[in-house]
Amino acid sequence: MTQDPVMAPRVTARAVPLGPRSLLALALVSAVGVVAFGWPFLAPPTSRVGTHTQDAPWLFAGLLVLLVAVVAAALAESGLGPKAVAMLGVLAATGAALRPIGAGTAGIEPMFFLMVLSGRVLGPGFGFVLGNVTMFASALLTGGVGPWMPFQMLAMGWFTMGAGLLPVPARARARTEVRLLAAYGFLAAFAYGTAMNMAGWPFMGALASDIAFDPHAGVPANLARFLAYCLATSLGWDLGRALVTVVLTLTLGPALLRGLRRATRRAAFEAQVTFEAPER
């Protein structure tokens, strides 16, 4: 019986463990994020909510505060050490640098496969922080700072965290793990695009269109409009993003997983770093 030539998955130390306070902060920001993304379907037709225009700055500030609270809770509770911070900085800088490569080209966004593999190896806590920091850094790099940025940060945090939550057995064959990550990347790429469509779709309310958000219509009518909006505006881009993520995960994933796992083992995140005075 021959063994899989690709190294089997191993349980690695989590750089940012999710403790009680971290989980509470994450649940809070996720709940606010769900409301922020889905308010067109949550607000009744009789409400006066019609557009994001006036409340977007407040939502922007509120989400950023909550995101910072998640990071602060992780730092205070789990003691994010210098080695984990260095790993976070390297991966976030790499992801931010990869994002402009596909700018203007439908669906060529290689940063997504890196987020999937990083979240898988380093865990959901690290993945959520990495997704936020990477999207924030890439927004500064590409000049994409605006009211949409906290939505991108939160959606990317969910995207990366989800890879760390995948129930892959510790001793499963590496090929099984890579295929599962590729399947997750394919579905999550569409989920990310759909979430970002929900963030921008209500701004079309002023346009005379059958796919624009209608604050006076019911949920079924707006859901049909939203689906038509996704099909008409972003299906091709989301499909391209999903396919690129799958191809890169299947081709580069095994080597990158080995490299990330080797780096986390050598970093020994659970070991405390101490400084001692030199002997005289």
C-alpha atoms as a PDB file:
ATOM      1  CA  MET A   1       0.000   0.000   0.000  1.00  0.00           C
ATOM      2  CA  THR A   2       1.571   3.263  -1.134  1.00  0.00           C
ATOM      3  CA  GLN A   3       1.263   6.416   0.881  1.00  0.00           C
ATOM      4  CA  ASP A   4       0.134   9.754  -0.417  1.00  0.00           C
ATOM      5  CA  PRO A   5       3.214  11.635  -1.646  1.00  0.00           C
ATOM      6  CA  VAL A   6       1.796  14.823  -0.174  1.00  0.00           C
ATOM      7  CA  MET A   7       2.287  15.253   3.564  1.00  0.00           C
ATOM      8  CA  ALA A   8      -0.824  14.392   5.579  1.00  0.00           C
ATOM      9  CA  PRO A   9      -2.460  17.173   7.588  1.00  0.00           C
ATOM     10  CA  ARG A  10      -1.263  17.674  11.110  1.00  0.00           C
ATOM     11  CA  VAL A  11      -2.704  19.514  14.063  1.00  0.00           C
ATOM     12  CA  THR A  12      -0.716  22.724  14.515  1.00  0.00           C
ATOM     13  CA  ALA A  13      -0.688  25.318  17.269  1.00  0.00           C
ATOM     14  CA  ARG A  14      -3.200  28.072  16.765  1.00  0.00           C
ATOM     15  CA  ALA A  15      -1.530  31.478  16.567  1.00  0.00           C
ATOM     16  CA  VAL A  16      -4.677  33.244  17.832  1.00  0.00           C
ATOM     17  CA  PRO A  17      -6.803  30.888  19.951  1.00  0.00           C
ATOM     18  CA  LEU A  18     -10.446  31.819  20.362  1.00  0.00           C
ATOM     19  CA  GLY A  19     -11.171  32.185  24.075  1.00  0.00           C
ATOM     20  CA  PRO A  20     -14.430  33.319  25.725  1.00  0.00           C
ATOM     21  CA  ARG A  21     -13.841  37.051  25.280  1.00  0.00           C
ATOM     22  CA  SER A  22     -12.624  36.606  21.711  1.00  0.00           C
ATOM     23  CA  LEU A  23     -15.684  34.508  20.866  1.00  0.00           C
ATOM     24  CA  LEU A  24     -17.989  37.099  22.422  1.00  0.00           C
ATOM     25  CA  ALA A  25     -16.416  39.949  20.469  1.00  0.00           C
ATOM     26  CA  LEU A  26     -16.484  37.889  17.279  1.00  0.00           C
ATOM     27  CA  ALA A  27     -20.154  37.006  17.801  1.00  0.00           C
ATOM     28  CA  LEU A  28     -20.982  40.669  18.393  1.00  0.00           C
ATOM     29  CA  VAL A  29     -19.240  41.965  15.291  1.00  0.00           C
ATOM     30  CA  SER A  30     -20.683  39.122  13.205  1.00  0.00           C
ATOM     31  CA  ALA A  31     -24.210  39.880  14.408  1.00  0.00           C
ATOM     32  CA  VAL A  32     -23.801  43.561  13.551  1.00  0.00           C
ATOM     33  CA  GLY A  33     -22.295  42.555  10.219  1.00  0.00           C
ATOM     34  CA  VAL A  34     -25.251  40.313   9.355  1.00  0.00           C
ATOM     35  CA  VAL A  35     -27.614  43.205  10.056  1.00  0.00           C
ATOM     36  CA  ALA A  36     -25.421  45.601   8.070  1.00  0.00           C
ATOM     37  CA  PHE A  37     -25.347  43.290   5.055  1.00  0.00           C
ATOM     38  CA  GLY A  38     -28.937  42.085   5.219  1.00  0.00           C
ATOM     39  CA  TRP A  39     -30.884  45.150   6.314  1.00  0.00           C
ATOM     40  CA  PRO A  40     -32.775  45.436   2.963  1.00  0.00           C
ATOM     41  CA  PHE A  41     -34.412  42.088   3.755  1.00  0.00           C
ATOM     42  CA  LEU A  42     -34.824  42.796   7.480  1.00  0.00           C
ATOM     43  CA  ALA A  43     -36.441  46.219   7.274  1.00  0.00           C
ATOM     44  CA  PRO A  44     -40.229  46.065   6.690  1.00  0.00           C
ATOM     45  CA  PRO A  45     -41.654  47.845   3.611  1.00  0.00           C
ATOM     46  CA  THR A  46     -43.353  50.394   5.880  1.00  0.00           C
ATOM     47  CA  SER A  47     -40.059  51.573   7.381  1.00  0.00           C
ATOM     48  CA  ARG A  48     -38.371  54.793   6.305  1.00  0.00           C
ATOM     49  CA  VAL A  49     -35.100  53.066   5.605  1.00  0.00           C
ATOM     50  CA  GLY A  50     -34.337  53.767   1.991  1.00  0.00           C
ATOM     51  CA  THR A  51     -30.623  54.079   1.497  1.00  0.00           C
ATOM     52  CA  HIS A  52     -27.223  53.701   3.121  1.00  0.00           C
ATOM     53  CA  THR A  53     -26.136  57.183   2.149  1.00  0.00           C
ATOM     54  CA  GLN A  54     -26.548  58.953   5.491  1.00  0.00           C
ATOM     55  CA  ASP A  55     -25.809  56.115   7.886  1.00  0.00           C
ATOM     56  CA  ALA A  56     -22.856  54.597   6.016  1.00  0.00           C
ATOM     57  CA  PRO A  57     -20.230  56.723   7.864  1.00  0.00           C
ATOM     58  CA  TRP A  58     -21.700  55.657  11.210  1.00  0.00           C
ATOM     59  CA  LEU A  59     -21.771  52.033  10.129  1.00  0.00           C
ATOM     60  CA  PHE A  60     -18.217  52.389   8.898  1.00  0.00           C
ATOM     61  CA  ALA A  61     -17.015  53.687  12.264  1.00  0.00           C
ATOM     62  CA  GLY A  62     -19.052  51.196  14.287  1.00  0.00           C
ATOM     63  CA  LEU A  63     -17.829  48.143  12.404  1.00  0.00           C
ATOM     64  CA  LEU A  64     -14.221  49.271  12.617  1.00  0.00           C
ATOM     65  CA  VAL A  65     -14.536  49.736  16.386  1.00  0.00           C
ATOM     66  CA  LEU A  66     -15.984  46.245  16.743  1.00  0.00           C
ATOM     67  CA  LEU A  67     -13.277  44.742  14.525  1.00  0.00           C
ATOM     68  CA  VAL A  68     -10.620  46.393  16.665  1.00  0.00           C
ATOM     69  CA  ALA A  69     -12.385  44.961  19.726  1.00  0.00           C
ATOM     70  CA  VAL A  70     -12.023  41.452  18.291  1.00  0.00           C
ATOM     71  CA  VAL A  71      -8.295  41.944  17.794  1.00  0.00           C
ATOM     72  CA  ALA A  72      -7.905  43.541  21.234  1.00  0.00           C
ATOM     73  CA  ALA A  73      -9.758  40.656  22.885  1.00  0.00           C
ATOM     74  CA  ALA A  74      -7.503  38.140  21.142  1.00  0.00           C
ATOM     75  CA  LEU A  75      -4.405  40.072  22.213  1.00  0.00           C
ATOM     76  CA  ALA A  76      -5.537  40.410  25.831  1.00  0.00           C
ATOM     77  CA  GLU A  77      -6.758  36.850  26.260  1.00  0.00           C
ATOM     78  CA  SER A  78      -4.414  34.670  24.246  1.00  0.00           C
ATOM     79  CA  GLY A  79      -1.293  36.815  24.311  1.00  0.00           C
ATOM     80  CA  LEU A  80      -0.571  37.268  20.598  1.00  0.00           C
ATOM     81  CA  GLY A  81       3.182  36.977  20.647  1.00  0.00           C
ATOM     82  CA  PRO A  82       5.793  38.638  18.442  1.00  0.00           C
ATOM     83  CA  LYS A  83       6.175  35.544  16.258  1.00  0.00           C
ATOM     84  CA  ALA A  84       2.452  35.446  15.522  1.00  0.00           C
ATOM     85  CA  VAL A  85       2.475  39.185  14.793  1.00  0.00           C
ATOM     86  CA  ALA A  86       5.372  38.666  12.385  1.00  0.00           C
ATOM     87  CA  MET A  87       3.519  35.809  10.651  1.00  0.00           C
ATOM     88  CA  LEU A  88       0.417  37.977  10.447  1.00  0.00           C
ATOM     89  CA  GLY A  89       2.392  40.832   8.920  1.00  0.00           C
ATOM     90  CA  VAL A  90       4.072  38.649   6.297  1.00  0.00           C
ATOM     91  CA  LEU A  91       0.852  36.945   5.181  1.00  0.00           C
ATOM     92  CA  ALA A  92      -1.151  40.186   5.199  1.00  0.00           C
ATOM     93  CA  ALA A  93       1.509  41.973   3.149  1.00  0.00           C
ATOM     94  CA  THR A  94       1.631  39.075   0.682  1.00  0.00           C
ATOM     95  CA  GLY A  95      -2.157  39.010   0.341  1.00  0.00           C
ATOM     96  CA  ALA A  96      -2.316  42.782  -0.094  1.00  0.00           C
ATOM     97  CA  ALA A  97       0.361  42.599  -2.795  1.00  0.00           C
ATOM     98  CA  LEU A  98      -1.505  39.835  -4.633  1.00  0.00           C
ATOM     99  CA  ARG A  99      -4.785  41.744  -4.808  1.00  0.00           C
ATOM    100  CA  PRO A 100      -3.740  44.397  -7.392  1.00  0.00           C
ATOM    101  CA  ILE A 101      -2.532  41.656  -9.767  1.00  0.00           C
ATOM    102  CA  GLY A 102      -6.095  41.003 -10.880  1.00  0.00           C
ATOM    103  CA  ALA A 103      -7.294  44.589 -10.753  1.00  0.00           C
ATOM    104  CA  GLY A 104      -9.449  45.250 -13.792  1.00  0.00           C
ATOM    105  CA  THR A 105      -9.410  41.596 -14.903  1.00  0.00           C
ATOM    106  CA  ALA A 106     -12.561  39.621 -14.247  1.00  0.00           C
ATOM    107  CA  GLY A 107     -12.066  37.148 -11.454  1.00  0.00           C
ATOM    108  CA  ILE A 108      -8.259  36.972 -11.349  1.00  0.00           C
ATOM    109  CA  GLU A 109      -7.843  37.462  -7.605  1.00  0.00           C
ATOM    110  CA  PRO A 110      -5.064  35.180  -6.318  1.00  0.00           C
ATOM    111  CA  MET A 111      -5.218  36.531  -2.764  1.00  0.00           C
ATOM    112  CA  PHE A 112      -8.255  34.357  -1.990  1.00  0.00           C
ATOM    113  CA  PHE A 113      -6.418  31.032  -2.224  1.00  0.00           C
ATOM    114  CA  LEU A 114      -3.731  32.340   0.160  1.00  0.00           C
ATOM    115  CA  MET A 115      -6.419  33.310   2.665  1.00  0.00           C
ATOM    116  CA  VAL A 116      -7.996  29.844   2.463  1.00  0.00           C
ATOM    117  CA  LEU A 117      -4.724  27.999   3.109  1.00  0.00           C
ATOM    118  CA  SER A 118      -3.606  30.389   5.855  1.00  0.00           C
ATOM    119  CA  GLY A 119      -6.904  30.114   7.693  1.00  0.00           C
ATOM    120  CA  ARG A 120      -6.785  26.326   7.440  1.00  0.00           C
ATOM    121  CA  VAL A 121      -3.281  25.996   8.902  1.00  0.00           C
ATOM    122  CA  LEU A 122      -3.338  28.765  11.521  1.00  0.00           C
ATOM    123  CA  GLY A 123      -6.915  28.434  12.696  1.00  0.00           C
ATOM    124  CA  PRO A 124     -10.142  30.468  12.644  1.00  0.00           C
ATOM    125  CA  GLY A 125      -8.930  33.108  15.121  1.00  0.00           C
ATOM    126  CA  PHE A 126      -5.825  33.921  13.116  1.00  0.00           C
ATOM    127  CA  GLY A 127      -7.841  33.645   9.914  1.00  0.00           C
ATOM    128  CA  PHE A 128     -10.376  36.238  10.988  1.00  0.00           C
ATOM    129  CA  VAL A 129      -7.676  38.705  12.017  1.00  0.00           C
ATOM    130  CA  LEU A 130      -5.675  37.997   8.855  1.00  0.00           C
ATOM    131  CA  GLY A 131      -8.668  38.572   6.591  1.00  0.00           C
ATOM    132  CA  ASN A 132      -9.385  41.941   8.205  1.00  0.00           C
ATOM    133  CA  VAL A 133      -5.788  43.154   8.181  1.00  0.00           C
ATOM    134  CA  THR A 134      -5.155  41.973   4.607  1.00  0.00           C
ATOM    135  CA  MET A 135      -8.207  43.711   3.218  1.00  0.00           C
ATOM    136  CA  PHE A 136      -7.402  46.894   5.157  1.00  0.00           C
ATOM    137  CA  ALA A 137      -3.809  46.900   3.861  1.00  0.00           C
ATOM    138  CA  SER A 138      -4.890  46.174   0.295  1.00  0.00           C
ATOM    139  CA  ALA A 139      -7.437  49.012   0.446  1.00  0.00           C
ATOM    140  CA  LEU A 140      -4.661  51.413   1.431  1.00  0.00           C
ATOM    141  CA  LEU A 141      -2.441  50.004  -1.324  1.00  0.00           C
ATOM    142  CA  THR A 142      -5.072  50.294  -4.065  1.00  0.00           C
ATOM    143  CA  GLY A 143      -6.760  53.475  -2.840  1.00  0.00           C
ATOM    144  CA  GLY A 144      -9.983  51.604  -2.136  1.00  0.00           C
ATOM    145  CA  VAL A 145     -10.788  53.323   1.170  1.00  0.00           C
ATOM    146  CA  GLY A 146     -14.447  54.183   1.611  1.00  0.00           C
ATOM    147  CA  PRO A 147     -17.696  53.179   3.334  1.00  0.00           C
ATOM    148  CA  TRP A 148     -17.476  49.787   1.608  1.00  0.00           C
ATOM    149  CA  MET A 149     -14.138  48.922   3.260  1.00  0.00           C
ATOM    150  CA  PRO A 150     -15.515  47.594   6.601  1.00  0.00           C
ATOM    151  CA  PHE A 151     -17.858  45.340   4.619  1.00  0.00           C
ATOM    152  CA  GLN A 152     -14.877  43.976   2.680  1.00  0.00           C
ATOM    153  CA  MET A 153     -12.877  43.520   5.880  1.00  0.00           C
ATOM    154  CA  LEU A 154     -15.671  41.649   7.616  1.00  0.00           C
ATOM    155  CA  ALA A 155     -16.516  39.485   4.592  1.00  0.00           C
ATOM    156  CA  MET A 156     -12.856  38.558   4.120  1.00  0.00           C
ATOM    157  CA  GLY A 157     -12.550  37.791   7.832  1.00  0.00           C
ATOM    158  CA  TRP A 158     -15.482  35.381   7.569  1.00  0.00           C
ATOM    159  CA  PHE A 159     -14.027  33.908   4.364  1.00  0.00           C
ATOM    160  CA  THR A 160     -10.641  33.175   5.959  1.00  0.00           C
ATOM    161  CA  MET A 161     -12.072  32.059   9.302  1.00  0.00           C
ATOM    162  CA  GLY A 162     -14.319  29.519   7.575  1.00  0.00           C
ATOM    163  CA  ALA A 163     -11.312  27.642   6.216  1.00  0.00           C
ATOM    164  CA  GLY A 164     -10.054  27.161   9.773  1.00  0.00           C
ATOM    165  CA  LEU A 165     -13.410  25.743  10.837  1.00  0.00           C
ATOM    166  CA  LEU A 166     -13.528  23.023   8.185  1.00  0.00           C
ATOM    167  CA  PRO A 167     -13.888  19.590   9.825  1.00  0.00           C
ATOM    168  CA  VAL A 168     -10.961  17.804   8.175  1.00  0.00           C
ATOM    169  CA  PRO A 169      -9.682  14.825  10.238  1.00  0.00           C
ATOM    170  CA  ALA A 170      -6.147  15.342  11.510  1.00  0.00           C
ATOM    171  CA  ARG A 171      -4.863  12.149   9.856  1.00  0.00           C
ATOM    172  CA  ALA A 172      -6.810  12.419   6.607  1.00  0.00           C
ATOM    173  CA  ARG A 173      -4.891  12.164   3.349  1.00  0.00           C
ATOM    174  CA  ALA A 174      -3.431  15.463   2.220  1.00  0.00           C
ATOM    175  CA  ARG A 175      -5.124  15.169  -1.170  1.00  0.00           C
ATOM    176  CA  THR A 176      -8.476  14.958   0.577  1.00  0.00           C
ATOM    177  CA  GLU A 177      -7.680  18.106   2.513  1.00  0.00           C
ATOM    178  CA  VAL A 178      -6.576  20.018  -0.586  1.00  0.00           C
ATOM    179  CA  ARG A 179      -9.699  19.004  -2.493  1.00  0.00           C
ATOM    180  CA  LEU A 180     -11.898  20.054   0.402  1.00  0.00           C
ATOM    181  CA  LEU A 181     -10.132  23.410   0.581  1.00  0.00           C
ATOM    182  CA  ALA A 182     -10.598  23.848  -3.175  1.00  0.00           C
ATOM    183  CA  ALA A 183     -14.312  23.085  -2.859  1.00  0.00           C
ATOM    184  CA  TYR A 184     -14.606  25.498   0.056  1.00  0.00           C
ATOM    185  CA  GLY A 185     -12.751  28.196  -1.885  1.00  0.00           C
ATOM    186  CA  PHE A 186     -15.101  27.747  -4.846  1.00  0.00           C
ATOM    187  CA  LEU A 187     -18.258  28.139  -2.744  1.00  0.00           C
ATOM    188  CA  ALA A 188     -16.849  30.812  -0.442  1.00  0.00           C
ATOM    189  CA  ALA A 189     -15.749  32.931  -3.410  1.00  0.00           C
ATOM    190  CA  PHE A 190     -19.373  33.107  -4.544  1.00  0.00           C
ATOM    191  CA  ALA A 191     -20.492  33.793  -0.973  1.00  0.00           C
ATOM    192  CA  TYR A 192     -18.014  36.681  -0.703  1.00  0.00           C
ATOM    193  CA  GLY A 193     -19.220  38.182  -3.961  1.00  0.00           C
ATOM    194  CA  THR A 194     -22.860  37.808  -2.913  1.00  0.00           C
ATOM    195  CA  ALA A 195     -22.176  39.486   0.430  1.00  0.00           C
ATOM    196  CA  MET A 196     -20.457  42.413  -1.257  1.00  0.00           C
ATOM    197  CA  ASN A 197     -23.356  42.685  -3.698  1.00  0.00           C
ATOM    198  CA  MET A 198     -25.678  43.053  -0.715  1.00  0.00           C
ATOM    199  CA  ALA A 199     -23.496  45.892   0.574  1.00  0.00           C
ATOM    200  CA  GLY A 200     -23.670  47.839  -2.700  1.00  0.00           C
ATOM    201  CA  TRP A 201     -27.029  46.844  -4.129  1.00  0.00           C
ATOM    202  CA  PRO A 202     -29.159  49.266  -2.020  1.00  0.00           C
ATOM    203  CA  PHE A 203     -27.279  52.210  -3.556  1.00  0.00           C
ATOM    204  CA  MET A 204     -29.081  51.480  -6.836  1.00  0.00           C
ATOM    205  CA  GLY A 205     -32.382  52.604  -5.302  1.00  0.00           C
ATOM    206  CA  ALA A 206     -32.278  55.916  -7.147  1.00  0.00           C
ATOM    207  CA  LEU A 207     -31.987  54.216 -10.532  1.00  0.00           C
ATOM    208  CA  ALA A 208     -35.057  53.304 -12.580  1.00  0.00           C
ATOM    209  CA  SER A 209     -34.335  49.633 -12.887  1.00  0.00           C
ATOM    210  CA  ASP A 210     -36.139  46.361 -12.302  1.00  0.00           C
ATOM    211  CA  ILE A 211     -33.116  45.034 -10.407  1.00  0.00           C
ATOM    212  CA  ALA A 212     -32.685  47.972  -8.019  1.00  0.00           C
ATOM    213  CA  PHE A 213     -33.651  47.796  -4.374  1.00  0.00           C
ATOM    214  CA  ASP A 214     -37.215  48.949  -3.741  1.00  0.00           C
ATOM    215  CA  PRO A 215     -37.734  49.982  -0.088  1.00  0.00           C
ATOM    216  CA  HIS A 216     -41.512  49.748  -0.562  1.00  0.00           C
ATOM    217  CA  ALA A 217     -41.501  46.176  -1.879  1.00  0.00           C
ATOM    218  CA  GLY A 218     -41.690  43.022   0.201  1.00  0.00           C
ATOM    219  CA  VAL A 219     -38.931  40.497   0.822  1.00  0.00           C
ATOM    220  CA  PRO A 220     -39.871  38.110  -2.056  1.00  0.00           C
ATOM    221  CA  ALA A 221     -39.893  40.942  -4.596  1.00  0.00           C
ATOM    222  CA  ASN A 222     -36.575  42.370  -3.391  1.00  0.00           C
ATOM    223  CA  LEU A 223     -35.035  38.909  -3.277  1.00  0.00           C
ATOM    224  CA  ALA A 224     -35.960  38.386  -6.927  1.00  0.00           C
ATOM    225  CA  ARG A 225     -34.478  41.788  -7.760  1.00  0.00           C
ATOM    226  CA  PHE A 226     -31.309  40.964  -5.867  1.00  0.00           C
ATOM    227  CA  LEU A 227     -30.845  37.627  -7.649  1.00  0.00           C
ATOM    228  CA  ALA A 228     -31.333  39.361 -10.993  1.00  0.00           C
ATOM    229  CA  TYR A 229     -28.793  41.981  -9.934  1.00  0.00           C
ATOM    230  CA  CYS A 230     -26.211  39.293  -9.061  1.00  0.00           C
ATOM    231  CA  LEU A 231     -26.758  37.458 -12.346  1.00  0.00           C
ATOM    232  CA  ALA A 232     -26.522  40.662 -14.385  1.00  0.00           C
ATOM    233  CA  THR A 233     -23.554  42.320 -12.703  1.00  0.00           C
ATOM    234  CA  SER A 234     -21.242  39.914 -10.889  1.00  0.00           C
ATOM    235  CA  LEU A 235     -21.794  36.299 -11.918  1.00  0.00           C
ATOM    236  CA  GLY A 236     -18.894  36.297 -14.371  1.00  0.00           C
ATOM    237  CA  TRP A 237     -16.537  37.955 -11.886  1.00  0.00           C
ATOM    238  CA  ASP A 238     -17.520  35.611  -9.048  1.00  0.00           C
ATOM    239  CA  LEU A 239     -17.118  32.562 -11.296  1.00  0.00           C
ATOM    240  CA  GLY A 240     -13.674  33.715 -12.349  1.00  0.00           C
ATOM    241  CA  ARG A 241     -12.655  34.304  -8.723  1.00  0.00           C
ATOM    242  CA  ALA A 242     -13.934  30.847  -7.752  1.00  0.00           C
ATOM    243  CA  LEU A 243     -12.131  29.067 -10.609  1.00  0.00           C
ATOM    244  CA  VAL A 244      -8.846  30.884  -9.972  1.00  0.00           C
ATOM    245  CA  THR A 245      -9.071  29.958  -6.287  1.00  0.00           C
ATOM    246  CA  VAL A 246      -9.674  26.306  -7.147  1.00  0.00           C
ATOM    247  CA  VAL A 247      -6.837  26.110  -9.691  1.00  0.00           C
ATOM    248  CA  LEU A 248      -4.295  27.777  -7.396  1.00  0.00           C
ATOM    249  CA  THR A 249      -5.370  25.669  -4.414  1.00  0.00           C
ATOM    250  CA  LEU A 250      -5.016  22.408  -6.324  1.00  0.00           C
ATOM    251  CA  THR A 251      -1.695  23.316  -7.947  1.00  0.00           C
ATOM    252  CA  LEU A 252       0.115  25.378  -5.298  1.00  0.00           C
ATOM    253  CA  GLY A 253      -1.839  24.287  -2.243  1.00  0.00           C
ATOM    254  CA  PRO A 254       0.164  21.170  -1.242  1.00  0.00           C
ATOM    255  CA  ALA A 255       3.499  23.002  -1.288  1.00  0.00           C
ATOM    256  CA  LEU A 256       2.143  26.071   0.475  1.00  0.00           C
ATOM    257  CA  LEU A 257       0.437  23.974   3.147  1.00  0.00           C
ATOM    258  CA  ARG A 258       3.741  22.220   3.846  1.00  0.00           C
ATOM    259  CA  GLY A 259       5.540  25.559   4.055  1.00  0.00           C
ATOM    260  CA  LEU A 260       2.972  27.117   6.382  1.00  0.00           C
ATOM    261  CA  ARG A 261       2.930  24.077   8.666  1.00  0.00           C
ATOM    262  CA  ARG A 262       6.712  23.991   8.779  1.00  0.00           C
ATOM    263  CA  ALA A 263       6.782  27.687   9.672  1.00  0.00           C
ATOM    264  CA  THR A 264       4.209  27.293  12.457  1.00  0.00           C
ATOM    265  CA  ARG A 265       6.086  24.337  13.952  1.00  0.00           C
ATOM    266  CA  ARG A 266       9.350  26.268  13.985  1.00  0.00           C
ATOM    267  CA  ALA A 267       7.648  29.377  15.343  1.00  0.00           C
ATOM    268  CA  ALA A 268       6.189  27.399  18.286  1.00  0.00           C
ATOM    269  CA  PHE A 269       3.504  29.979  18.971  1.00  0.00           C
ATOM    270  CA  GLU A 270       2.612  28.415  22.304  1.00  0.00           C
ATOM    271  CA  ALA A 271       6.141  28.882  23.654  1.00  0.00           C
ATOM    272  CA  GLN A 272       6.643  32.072  25.594  1.00  0.00           C
ATOM    273  CA  VAL A 273       9.402  34.413  24.464  1.00  0.00           C
ATOM    274  CA  THR A 274      11.546  35.673  27.352  1.00  0.00           C
ATOM    275  CA  PHE A 275      14.540  37.973  27.440  1.00  0.00           C
ATOM    276  CA  GLU A 276      17.345  37.452  29.936  1.00  0.00           C
ATOM    277  CA  ALA A 277      20.243  39.688  30.826  1.00  0.00           C
ATOM    278  CA  PRO A 278      23.585  38.437  29.469  1.00  0.00           C
ATOM    279  CA  GLU A 279      25.934  36.860  31.972  1.00  0.00           C
ATOM    280  CA  ARG A 280      28.933  38.895  32.969  1.00  0.00           C
END
